[in-house]
Protein backbone atom coordinates (compact mmCIF):
# COMPACT_ATOMS: atom_id res chain seq x y z
CA MET A 1 25.59 -6.39 -13.47
CA GLU A 2 22.28 -6.38 -15.12
CA SER A 3 22.21 -3.82 -18.11
CA PRO A 4 19.44 -1.30 -18.35
CA SER A 5 17.86 -2.83 -21.40
CA THR A 6 17.74 -6.17 -19.67
CA LYS A 7 16.09 -4.67 -16.73
CA VAL A 8 13.35 -2.90 -18.63
CA TRP A 9 12.63 -6.13 -20.37
CA ARG A 10 12.35 -8.18 -17.29
CA GLU A 11 10.06 -5.65 -15.77
CA ASP A 12 7.88 -5.59 -18.90
CA LEU A 13 7.59 -9.28 -18.79
CA LEU A 14 6.75 -9.32 -15.14
CA VAL A 15 3.91 -6.70 -15.95
CA GLU A 16 2.55 -8.93 -18.65
CA LEU A 17 2.79 -12.20 -16.49
CA VAL A 18 1.72 -11.02 -13.17
CA PRO A 19 -2.09 -10.41 -14.06
CA HIS A 20 -2.42 -13.96 -15.45
CA ALA A 21 -0.78 -15.39 -12.37
CA VAL A 22 -2.96 -13.34 -10.18
CA HIS A 23 -6.06 -14.50 -11.94
CA ARG A 24 -4.90 -18.18 -11.57
CA LEU A 25 -4.14 -17.85 -7.87
CA GLY A 26 -7.58 -16.07 -7.34
CA ASN A 27 -9.32 -19.03 -8.80
CA LEU A 28 -7.24 -21.45 -6.58
CA LEU A 29 -7.83 -19.49 -3.54
CA THR A 30 -11.63 -19.23 -4.25
CA VAL A 31 -11.75 -23.08 -4.00
CA VAL A 32 -9.92 -23.15 -0.77
CA LEU A 33 -12.00 -20.45 0.75
CA GLY A 34 -15.19 -21.90 -0.39
CA THR A 35 -14.38 -25.34 0.84
CA ALA A 36 -13.07 -24.07 4.24
CA ASP A 37 -16.27 -21.95 4.56
CA LEU A 38 -18.58 -24.80 3.87
CA LEU A 39 -16.72 -27.25 6.23
CA ALA A 40 -16.82 -24.61 8.98
CA MET A 41 -20.42 -24.21 8.63
CA TYR A 42 -21.19 -27.82 9.51
CA GLU A 43 -18.26 -28.49 11.90
CA VAL A 44 -19.43 -29.13 15.50
CA ASP A 45 -16.15 -29.41 17.13
CA GLU A 46 -15.30 -25.87 18.27
CA GLY A 47 -11.44 -26.55 17.81
CA ARG A 48 -11.58 -27.62 14.40
CA LYS A 49 -14.11 -25.00 13.60
CA GLU A 50 -11.58 -22.32 14.82
CA GLN A 51 -8.86 -23.92 12.71
CA LEU A 52 -11.29 -23.82 9.62
CA GLU A 53 -12.01 -20.13 10.40
CA ALA A 54 -8.37 -19.38 10.59
CA ILE A 55 -7.91 -20.93 7.12
CA CYS A 56 -10.72 -18.78 5.73
CA GLU A 57 -9.18 -15.65 7.14
CA SER A 58 -5.73 -16.50 5.66
CA ALA A 59 -7.25 -17.17 2.29
CA ARG A 60 -9.19 -13.94 2.33
CA ARG A 61 -6.00 -12.01 3.21
CA SER A 62 -4.16 -13.86 0.54
CA THR A 63 -6.85 -13.08 -2.06
CA ASP A 64 -6.62 -9.28 -1.03
CA LEU A 65 -2.73 -9.52 -1.41
CA ILE A 66 -2.72 -10.88 -4.98
CA ARG A 67 -5.50 -8.64 -6.05
CA ALA A 68 -3.35 -5.74 -4.79
CA ILE A 69 -0.35 -7.05 -6.64
CA GLY A 70 -2.47 -7.49 -9.86
CA GLY A 71 -3.73 -4.06 -9.66
CA HIS A 72 -0.29 -2.69 -9.05
CA ALA A 73 1.03 -4.58 -12.13
CA ARG A 74 -1.25 -2.52 -14.54
CA SER A 75 0.95 -0.26 -16.43
CA LYS A 76 -1.33 1.64 -18.56
CA ALA A 77 -2.62 5.13 -17.55
CA GLU A 78 -6.45 5.56 -17.20
CA VAL A 79 -8.80 8.38 -17.69
CA PRO A 80 -9.05 10.40 -14.42
CA THR A 81 -12.21 9.30 -12.61
CA ALA A 82 -13.85 10.09 -9.18
CA LEU A 83 -12.06 8.13 -6.52
CA ASP A 84 -12.31 7.76 -2.79
CA LEU A 85 -8.66 8.18 -1.55
CA ALA A 86 -9.49 6.22 1.66
CA HIS A 87 -10.89 3.36 -0.23
CA GLN A 88 -7.87 3.32 -2.67
CA PHE A 89 -5.33 3.05 0.25
CA ALA A 90 -7.22 0.09 1.92
CA ASN A 91 -6.13 -1.96 -1.18
CA LEU A 92 -2.40 -1.18 -0.59
CA THR A 93 -2.25 -2.39 3.11
CA GLU A 94 -1.38 -6.02 2.22
CA LEU A 95 1.33 -4.92 0.01
CA ILE A 96 2.95 -2.57 2.40
CA ASP A 97 2.60 -4.77 5.57
CA PRO A 98 5.41 -7.30 4.59
CA VAL A 99 8.02 -4.52 3.92
CA ALA A 100 7.09 -2.75 7.11
CA LYS A 101 7.59 -5.83 9.21
CA ALA A 102 10.99 -6.53 7.50
CA SER A 103 12.34 -3.26 8.60
CA GLY A 104 10.71 -3.34 12.27
CA CYS A 105 8.01 -0.89 11.33
CA MET A 106 4.83 -1.20 13.04
CA LEU A 107 2.03 -0.38 10.64
CA LEU A 108 -0.82 1.27 12.50
CA PRO A 109 -4.45 1.20 11.60
CA PHE A 110 -5.46 3.45 8.75
CA GLU A 111 -7.51 6.43 9.56
CA SER A 112 -9.87 8.66 7.50
CA GLU A 113 -11.56 12.05 8.26
CA GLY A 114 -14.04 13.90 6.20
CA MET A 115 -14.95 13.42 2.46
CA THR A 116 -11.71 12.06 0.73
CA LEU A 117 -13.01 12.38 -2.94
CA ILE A 118 -10.57 13.16 -5.77
CA LYS A 119 -10.50 12.97 -9.60
CA VAL A 120 -7.35 11.23 -10.71
CA ASP A 121 -5.87 8.35 -12.72
CA ALA A 122 -6.31 5.34 -10.43
CA VAL A 123 -3.30 3.60 -11.69
CA GLY A 124 -0.96 6.48 -11.25
CA LEU A 125 -2.47 7.15 -7.88
CA GLN A 126 -1.83 3.59 -6.73
CA LEU A 127 1.84 3.73 -7.95
CA LEU A 128 2.44 7.02 -6.35
CA ALA A 129 1.08 6.15 -3.09
CA LEU A 130 2.65 2.78 -2.79
CA GLY A 131 5.98 4.18 -3.75
CA ILE A 132 5.99 6.88 -1.16
CA LEU A 133 4.78 4.42 1.52
CA ILE A 134 7.28 1.75 0.78
CA GLY A 135 9.97 4.44 0.69
CA GLU A 136 9.01 5.43 4.29
CA CYS A 137 9.20 1.89 5.75
CA ARG A 138 11.88 0.31 3.56
CA PRO A 139 14.41 -1.55 5.57
CA LEU A 140 17.61 0.35 6.26
CA GLU A 141 21.06 -0.89 5.28
CA SER A 142 22.09 -0.62 8.91
CA GLY A 143 19.34 -3.03 9.98
CA ARG A 144 15.96 -3.14 11.72
CA ARG A 145 14.95 0.05 13.40
CA PRO A 146 11.83 0.18 15.69
CA THR A 147 9.39 2.82 14.00
CA SER A 148 5.65 3.16 13.43
CA LEU A 149 3.95 4.28 10.27
CA GLN A 150 0.55 5.90 10.57
CA VAL A 151 -1.49 6.71 7.37
CA ARG A 152 -4.38 9.02 7.35
CA ALA A 153 -6.62 10.47 4.75
CA ALA A 154 -8.31 13.60 5.35
CA GLU A 155 -9.95 16.69 3.93
CA LEU A 156 -8.04 19.89 4.52
CA ASP A 157 -9.69 23.02 3.18
CA SER A 158 -9.72 22.82 -0.78
CA GLN A 159 -7.38 19.63 -0.60
CA VAL A 160 -7.63 15.98 0.16
CA VAL A 161 -4.42 14.65 1.55
CA LEU A 162 -2.86 11.37 2.27
CA MET A 163 -0.47 11.77 5.24
CA ALA A 164 2.12 9.22 6.21
CA THR A 165 3.64 9.78 9.71
CA THR A 166 6.79 7.89 10.54
CA THR A 167 7.86 8.04 14.24
CA ALA A 168 11.05 6.75 15.77
CA LEU A 169 10.22 4.40 18.79
CA ASP A 170 13.66 4.91 20.34
CA SER A 171 15.41 8.26 21.18
CA ALA A 172 17.46 8.72 17.96
CA PRO A 173 16.25 10.95 15.05
CA LEU A 174 15.01 9.30 11.86
CA PRO A 175 17.58 8.97 9.05
CA THR A 176 17.24 11.27 6.10
CA ARG A 177 15.22 10.07 3.27
CA GLU A 178 14.57 11.75 0.01
CA ILE A 179 11.55 11.53 -1.98
CA ALA A 180 12.20 9.47 -5.21
CA PRO A 181 12.54 11.79 -8.35
CA SER A 182 10.27 9.48 -10.23
CA ALA A 183 7.68 10.09 -7.40
CA LEU A 184 7.96 13.83 -7.94
CA THR A 185 7.46 13.59 -11.48
CA LEU A 186 4.46 11.42 -11.26
CA ALA A 187 2.93 13.62 -8.74
CA LYS A 188 3.28 16.59 -11.08
CA ASP A 189 1.71 14.60 -13.85
CA LEU A 190 -1.28 13.73 -11.57
CA GLY A 191 -1.58 17.27 -10.48
CA ALA A 192 -0.66 16.42 -6.79
CA THR A 193 1.81 17.98 -4.41
CA ILE A 194 4.33 16.14 -1.98
CA LYS A 195 5.48 17.89 1.14
CA VAL A 196 7.72 16.68 3.83
CA ARG A 197 8.21 18.09 7.37
CA HIS A 198 9.97 16.99 10.35
CA GLU A 199 8.88 17.40 14.08
CA ASN A 200 10.08 16.47 17.66
CA ASP A 201 13.76 17.01 16.87
CA GLY A 202 13.79 14.91 13.87
CA GLN A 203 12.03 11.81 15.56
CA VAL A 204 8.88 12.29 13.49
CA ARG A 205 8.58 12.77 9.73
CA VAL A 206 5.39 13.57 7.86
CA VAL A 207 4.99 13.12 4.16
CA THR A 208 1.85 14.67 2.75
CA LEU A 209 0.53 13.85 -0.64
CA GLY A 210 -2.11 16.34 -1.57
CA PHE A 211 -4.78 16.55 -4.31
CA GLU A 212 -7.46 19.02 -5.14
CA ALA A 213 -10.81 17.99 -3.49
CA LEU A 214 -13.57 17.02 -5.80
CA SER A 215 -16.30 19.38 -5.09
């Protein structure tokens, strides 16, 4: 069994190494993307052009993914700045999607309503939002379960909220899932609130992460 000190050391090393790996992968993917774009521009065969465009799209998604990983690996807190909550979530989609697919959770398109500006530490916000969303779609020990996860950013009165709605796609209620204590602590440090409510006889769970709106 891994000792606590070894685990901390391993995680510290990963945090240090990941940004460098992300930078290297980003450079390599830039070459792939640029070459494929150039070849597609001059390709006259429609079949080959579609293949090159598919390569370009995969390279772009891969770039988004590694940038998101690099952003998540940053460990130092930042000075609170004005951020658009909707824009911040868009960077997390590529990280959440593989976990959702592994558990049988369908990740629905992100929605945004109203002005979603807040003032918060960007690193802490990303860690908190990612932790909550991964917790909602993490695979169960009992196996895959058909669910959907809808994430929406909205302005509600004096608050800006990020709402994660998990819906069971079968007739059984959702399993009980507790918000991690570390998430509750971080939310308090960021001046945020976390609320959980259940609807439709337990087949729907809504986790709301709320921040004071930036007026």
